């Protein structure tokens, strides 16, 4: 059964096989949570949206007709949960006291440090991860969501377009602008790397 496609597993679950749902859940547990965490930047809020997304999958599994891939359908549900959350936050007019303050969230790129690295090298790696996280957070929302889906979730342009509800060329354009902004925002890192290489 582990060789079954996502769509086959969902159909089995629709027919009453709870083991199929467990397999689907295991396949997408980490990628979906990471997507939500990077979208909202707060672990507690990401956990709420994660639970909400899976609840909606269970509630709406009968609506899935196979017109798109399961992953497209799942990420659309998760994306809509994020949009609903953002609307609620705008309506409230201020950040929740439970949310992690800007700059205090987990770094976008979590690395397992090499125990052989010197403390200054470890600090440089953490600083780099923080710079990247801040640069990605600074992207306009439309560009950031395309970047996260494409680069971190590994979704194709067509699938991202289906999730976001825009033409493929619009997704490609948003991705290009996101990469250009990131390159500009992180340009000084390239200069430092060149200077470091010249000194070595």
Protein backbone atom coordinates (compact mmCIF):
# COMPACT_ATOMS: atom_id res chain seq x y z
CA UNK A 1 0.00 0.00 0.00
CA UNK A 2 2.97 2.33 0.60
CA UNK A 3 3.60 2.21 -3.16
CA UNK A 4 0.12 3.61 -3.86
CA UNK A 5 -0.23 7.13 -5.23
CA UNK A 6 -1.62 9.88 -3.02
CA UNK A 7 -4.83 9.84 -5.03
CA UNK A 8 -5.23 6.06 -4.61
CA UNK A 9 -4.69 6.38 -0.87
CA UNK A 10 -7.31 9.12 -0.60
CA UNK A 11 -9.81 7.01 -2.56
CA UNK A 12 -9.13 4.10 -0.18
CA UNK A 13 -9.70 6.42 2.77
CA UNK A 14 -12.96 7.63 1.19
CA UNK A 15 -13.98 3.95 1.12
CA UNK A 16 -13.29 3.55 4.84
CA UNK A 17 -9.63 2.47 5.02
CA UNK A 18 -8.11 4.52 7.85
CA UNK A 19 -4.62 3.07 7.24
CA UNK A 20 -4.57 4.88 3.88
CA UNK A 21 -5.08 8.19 5.63
CA UNK A 22 -2.23 7.40 8.03
CA UNK A 23 0.09 6.86 5.07
CA UNK A 24 -0.97 10.14 3.46
CA UNK A 25 -0.49 11.93 6.76
CA UNK A 26 3.02 10.47 7.17
CA UNK A 27 4.00 11.50 3.62
CA UNK A 28 3.00 15.11 4.10
CA UNK A 29 3.46 15.61 7.84
CA UNK A 30 6.83 17.34 7.71
CA UNK A 31 6.56 19.15 4.33
CA UNK A 32 3.14 20.61 5.16
CA UNK A 33 4.18 21.77 8.63
CA UNK A 34 7.38 23.35 7.28
CA UNK A 35 5.37 25.15 4.59
CA UNK A 36 2.98 26.58 7.20
CA UNK A 37 5.79 27.49 9.60
CA UNK A 38 7.60 29.43 6.92
CA UNK A 39 4.39 31.15 5.85
CA UNK A 40 3.41 32.39 9.33
CA UNK A 41 6.80 32.41 11.10
CA UNK A 42 5.38 31.22 14.44
CA UNK A 43 5.50 27.58 15.58
CA UNK A 44 2.35 27.76 17.71
CA UNK A 45 0.33 29.40 14.95
CA UNK A 46 1.73 26.95 12.37
CA UNK A 47 0.62 24.03 14.56
CA UNK A 48 -2.92 25.45 14.72
CA UNK A 49 -3.06 25.91 10.95
CA UNK A 50 -1.57 22.45 10.47
CA UNK A 51 -4.32 20.84 12.56
CA UNK A 52 -6.93 22.95 10.80
CA UNK A 53 -5.63 21.87 7.37
CA UNK A 54 -5.78 18.15 8.19
CA UNK A 55 -9.23 18.56 9.74
CA UNK A 56 -10.41 20.14 6.50
CA UNK A 57 -8.89 17.27 4.49
CA UNK A 58 -10.92 14.82 6.58
CA UNK A 59 -14.10 16.90 6.36
CA UNK A 60 -13.79 17.55 2.62
CA UNK A 61 -12.26 14.30 1.38
CA UNK A 62 -15.56 13.49 -0.34
CA UNK A 63 -15.17 16.65 -2.45
CA UNK A 64 -11.87 15.49 -3.96
CA UNK A 65 -12.60 14.33 -7.52
CA UNK A 66 -9.07 13.80 -8.80
CA UNK A 67 -9.11 16.81 -11.16
CA UNK A 68 -5.78 17.83 -9.63
CA UNK A 69 -3.05 16.07 -7.67
CA UNK A 70 -3.67 15.41 -3.97
CA UNK A 71 -0.65 17.58 -3.09
CA UNK A 72 -2.16 20.50 -5.03
CA UNK A 73 -5.44 20.10 -3.17
CA UNK A 74 -3.68 19.79 0.22
CA UNK A 75 -1.47 22.85 -0.28
CA UNK A 76 -4.48 24.84 -1.52
CA UNK A 77 -6.27 24.03 1.75
CA UNK A 78 -3.17 25.01 3.77
CA UNK A 79 -2.67 28.21 1.77
CA UNK A 80 -6.30 29.20 2.31
CA UNK A 81 -5.89 28.55 6.05
CA UNK A 82 -2.93 30.99 6.03
CA UNK A 83 -4.94 33.60 4.12
CA UNK A 84 -7.83 33.30 6.59
CA UNK A 85 -5.37 33.68 9.47
CA UNK A 86 -3.82 36.80 7.89
CA UNK A 87 -7.27 38.35 7.41
CA UNK A 88 -8.11 37.73 11.07
CA UNK A 89 -4.83 39.32 12.15
CA UNK A 90 -5.47 42.39 9.98
CA UNK A 91 -8.96 42.66 11.43
CA UNK A 92 -7.57 42.52 14.96
CA UNK A 93 -5.16 45.32 14.05
CA UNK A 94 -2.30 44.05 16.21
CA UNK A 95 -0.16 40.98 16.62
CA UNK A 96 -1.16 38.30 19.07
CA UNK A 97 0.80 38.22 22.33
CA UNK A 98 1.38 34.52 21.65
CA UNK A 99 3.28 35.20 18.43
CA UNK A 100 7.04 35.20 18.30
CA UNK A 101 8.41 38.66 17.66
CA UNK A 102 10.07 39.39 14.32
CA UNK A 103 13.64 38.14 14.28
CA UNK A 104 13.04 35.62 17.09
CA UNK A 105 11.52 32.86 14.93
CA UNK A 106 13.44 29.76 14.01
CA UNK A 107 15.84 30.32 11.15
CA UNK A 108 14.56 29.50 7.67
CA UNK A 109 17.47 27.22 6.99
CA UNK A 110 17.98 24.91 9.93
CA UNK A 111 21.42 23.35 9.87
CA UNK A 112 22.93 20.58 11.89
CA UNK A 113 26.23 22.07 12.96
CA UNK A 114 29.41 20.17 12.31
CA UNK A 115 31.04 19.59 15.71
CA UNK A 116 34.42 20.21 14.07
CA UNK A 117 33.60 23.84 13.21
CA UNK A 118 35.06 26.65 15.22
CA UNK A 119 32.64 28.89 17.21
CA UNK A 120 33.17 31.82 14.80
CA UNK A 121 32.27 29.57 11.84
CA UNK A 122 29.15 28.35 13.65
CA UNK A 123 28.15 31.94 14.38
CA UNK A 124 28.70 32.90 10.73
CA UNK A 125 26.45 30.01 9.59
CA UNK A 126 23.71 31.05 12.01
CA UNK A 127 24.02 34.67 10.90
CA UNK A 128 23.74 33.58 7.26
CA UNK A 129 20.60 31.54 8.00
CA UNK A 130 19.08 34.53 9.79
CA UNK A 131 19.93 36.87 6.90
CA UNK A 132 18.26 34.50 4.43
CA UNK A 133 15.18 34.14 6.64
CA UNK A 134 14.83 37.92 6.96
CA UNK A 135 15.33 38.40 3.21
CA UNK A 136 12.62 35.82 2.41
CA UNK A 137 10.25 37.38 4.99
CA UNK A 138 10.78 40.78 3.35
CA UNK A 139 9.50 39.52 -0.02
CA UNK A 140 6.02 40.66 -1.00
CA UNK A 141 3.45 38.02 0.02
CA UNK A 142 2.72 36.84 -3.53
CA UNK A 143 6.41 36.36 -4.29
CA UNK A 144 7.17 34.75 -0.93
CA UNK A 145 4.47 32.09 -1.24
CA UNK A 146 5.61 31.14 -4.76
CA UNK A 147 9.25 31.00 -3.59
CA UNK A 148 8.37 28.79 -0.59
CA UNK A 149 6.23 26.40 -2.63
CA UNK A 150 8.74 26.14 -5.47
CA UNK A 151 12.08 26.13 -3.64
CA UNK A 152 11.26 24.59 -0.29
CA UNK A 153 8.36 22.29 -1.12
CA UNK A 154 9.67 21.35 -4.57
CA UNK A 155 6.34 21.93 -6.32
CA UNK A 156 6.30 22.48 -10.08
CA UNK A 157 5.25 25.79 -11.61
CA UNK A 158 1.96 24.30 -12.87
CA UNK A 159 1.09 22.93 -9.45
CA UNK A 160 1.93 26.24 -7.77
CA UNK A 161 -0.22 28.04 -10.36
CA UNK A 162 -3.14 25.74 -9.60
CA UNK A 163 -2.78 26.24 -5.83
CA UNK A 164 -2.48 30.03 -6.09
CA UNK A 165 -5.10 30.32 -8.83
CA UNK A 166 -3.09 32.31 -11.37
CA UNK A 167 -1.57 31.48 -14.79
CA UNK A 168 1.75 29.62 -14.91
CA UNK A 169 3.50 32.63 -16.46
CA UNK A 170 2.39 34.76 -13.50
CA UNK A 171 3.93 32.22 -11.12
CA UNK A 172 7.19 32.24 -13.12
CA UNK A 173 7.21 36.02 -13.10
CA UNK A 174 6.68 36.15 -9.32
CA UNK A 175 9.47 33.62 -8.86
CA UNK A 176 11.82 35.67 -11.05
CA UNK A 177 11.05 38.85 -9.08
CA UNK A 178 11.52 36.99 -5.79
CA UNK A 179 14.94 35.71 -6.86
CA UNK A 180 15.95 39.18 -8.07
CA UNK A 181 14.92 40.73 -4.74
CA UNK A 182 16.77 38.06 -2.79
CA UNK A 183 19.87 38.55 -4.92
CA UNK A 184 19.76 42.30 -4.28
CA UNK A 185 19.06 41.83 -0.57
CA UNK A 186 21.92 39.37 -0.15
CA UNK A 187 24.37 40.96 -2.61
CA UNK A 188 26.84 41.95 0.10
CA UNK A 189 27.27 38.25 1.00
CA UNK A 190 28.63 37.55 -2.48
CA UNK A 191 31.08 40.44 -2.10
CA UNK A 192 32.24 39.02 1.27
CA UNK A 193 32.72 35.57 -0.28
CA UNK A 194 34.84 37.04 -3.09
CA UNK A 195 36.94 39.03 -0.60
CA UNK A 196 37.38 35.91 1.56
CA UNK A 197 38.49 33.86 -1.44
CA UNK A 198 41.02 36.55 -2.46
CA UNK A 199 42.52 36.59 1.05
CA UNK A 200 42.81 32.77 1.20
